[in-house]
Amino acid sequence: MKSIITVIWDTWLKPGAEEEGLRLTRQVWSDMRMFDGYISHQIFIDQDAAGHLVAVAHWQRREDADRVRAIYQDSATIRQLAPLLARPRERWITCEDEIPAI
């Protein structure tokens, strides 16, 4: 059985852009619900570093996550979010470690 893919996005916002950056990040993930292959997401707000967000999203397949990224990267929401970033967002594609049955 193939594992669900987990995509982790690491976002650092410029000082003063935290509120708008969080609003836009929420919009991005709200929009993801309309795409095939999307399962769920969570957004984590770093309590020790203002403007640091981590989004963890689950997709049925890597191809789904990659396809949606290609489609969505030029969206109005991403164009609004980009100038608020302190540095480019980082993305990791992961899957859960499956321990074989003993």
Protein backbone atom coordinates (compact mmCIF):
# COMPACT_ATOMS: atom_id res chain seq x y z
CA MET A 1 0.00 0.00 0.00
CA LYS A 2 1.32 3.41 -0.96
CA SER A 3 1.71 6.04 1.77
CA ILE A 4 -0.03 9.36 1.81
CA ILE A 5 2.35 12.18 0.94
CA THR A 6 2.92 14.92 3.49
CA VAL A 7 4.14 18.27 2.20
CA ILE A 8 5.68 20.66 4.70
CA TRP A 9 5.91 24.36 3.83
CA ASP A 10 8.17 26.59 5.94
CA THR A 11 7.23 30.28 5.72
CA TRP A 12 9.03 33.28 7.19
CA LEU A 13 7.23 36.63 6.94
CA LYS A 14 8.75 40.09 7.12
CA PRO A 15 8.29 42.02 10.38
CA GLY A 16 4.93 43.77 10.29
CA ALA A 17 3.52 41.36 7.70
CA GLU A 18 2.50 38.65 10.15
CA GLU A 19 -1.25 39.29 10.17
CA GLU A 20 -1.64 39.67 6.39
CA GLY A 21 0.76 36.78 5.76
CA LEU A 22 -1.26 34.48 8.00
CA ARG A 23 -4.49 35.57 6.30
CA LEU A 24 -3.04 34.81 2.86
CA THR A 25 -1.57 31.50 4.03
CA ARG A 26 -5.00 30.51 5.30
CA GLN A 27 -6.43 31.48 1.90
CA VAL A 28 -3.87 29.34 0.08
CA TRP A 29 -4.86 26.29 2.09
CA SER A 30 -8.55 27.02 1.81
CA ASP A 31 -8.08 27.08 -1.96
CA MET A 32 -6.31 23.69 -1.89
CA ARG A 33 -9.61 22.02 -0.92
CA MET A 34 -10.84 22.37 -4.51
CA PHE A 35 -8.00 20.31 -6.02
CA ASP A 36 -8.04 16.58 -6.68
CA GLY A 37 -5.67 14.66 -4.44
CA TYR A 38 -5.81 17.13 -1.54
CA ILE A 39 -6.67 15.45 1.77
CA SER A 40 -6.10 17.92 4.63
CA HIS A 41 -3.78 20.48 6.16
CA GLN A 42 -2.78 22.17 9.40
CA ILE A 43 -1.07 25.54 9.87
CA PHE A 44 1.27 25.94 12.84
CA ILE A 45 2.15 29.41 14.17
CA ASP A 46 5.57 29.56 15.84
CA GLN A 47 5.09 31.01 19.31
CA ASP A 48 8.79 31.87 19.66
CA ALA A 49 9.43 33.50 16.27
CA ALA A 50 7.03 36.13 14.98
CA GLY A 51 6.19 35.62 11.32
CA HIS A 52 7.18 31.95 11.20
CA LEU A 53 4.50 29.59 9.91
CA VAL A 54 4.65 25.90 9.10
CA ALA A 55 1.93 24.31 6.98
CA VAL A 56 1.62 20.53 6.91
CA ALA A 57 -0.56 19.20 4.10
CA HIS A 58 -1.58 15.68 3.17
CA TRP A 59 -2.01 14.58 -0.44
CA GLN A 60 -2.98 11.27 -1.98
CA ARG A 61 0.05 11.25 -4.27
CA ARG A 62 3.17 13.31 -4.87
CA GLU A 63 2.00 13.91 -8.43
CA ASP A 64 -1.11 15.63 -7.05
CA ALA A 65 0.94 17.95 -4.83
CA ASP A 66 3.38 18.76 -7.65
CA ARG A 67 0.60 19.36 -10.19
CA VAL A 68 -1.28 21.71 -7.88
CA ARG A 69 1.92 23.58 -7.00
CA ALA A 70 2.57 24.18 -10.72
CA ILE A 71 -0.99 25.36 -11.29
CA TYR A 72 -1.25 27.53 -8.17
CA GLN A 73 2.20 29.17 -8.11
CA ASP A 74 1.03 32.10 -10.26
CA SER A 75 -2.27 32.62 -8.43
CA ALA A 76 -3.34 36.04 -7.15
CA THR A 77 -2.96 34.82 -3.56
CA ILE A 78 0.66 33.75 -4.09
CA ARG A 79 1.41 37.04 -5.89
CA GLN A 80 0.09 38.89 -2.81
CA LEU A 81 1.99 36.67 -0.38
CA ALA A 82 5.38 36.76 -2.14
CA PRO A 83 6.30 40.38 -1.24
CA LEU A 84 5.55 39.66 2.43
CA LEU A 85 8.12 36.85 2.64
CA ALA A 86 11.38 37.43 4.51
CA ARG A 87 12.88 34.62 2.40
CA PRO A 88 11.59 32.12 -0.16
CA ARG A 89 9.31 29.46 1.28
CA GLU A 90 10.85 26.02 1.65
CA ARG A 91 9.00 22.83 0.74
CA TRP A 92 9.67 19.26 1.85
CA ILE A 93 7.92 16.22 0.41
CA THR A 94 7.72 13.42 2.96
CA CYS A 95 5.94 10.18 3.73
CA GLU A 96 5.48 8.42 7.01
CA ASP A 97 7.98 5.75 7.89
CA GLU A 98 6.23 2.40 7.63
CA ILE A 99 7.57 -0.11 10.08
CA PRO A 100 7.19 -3.66 8.73
CA ALA A 101 5.06 -6.07 10.76
CA ILE A 102 7.06 -8.49 12.89
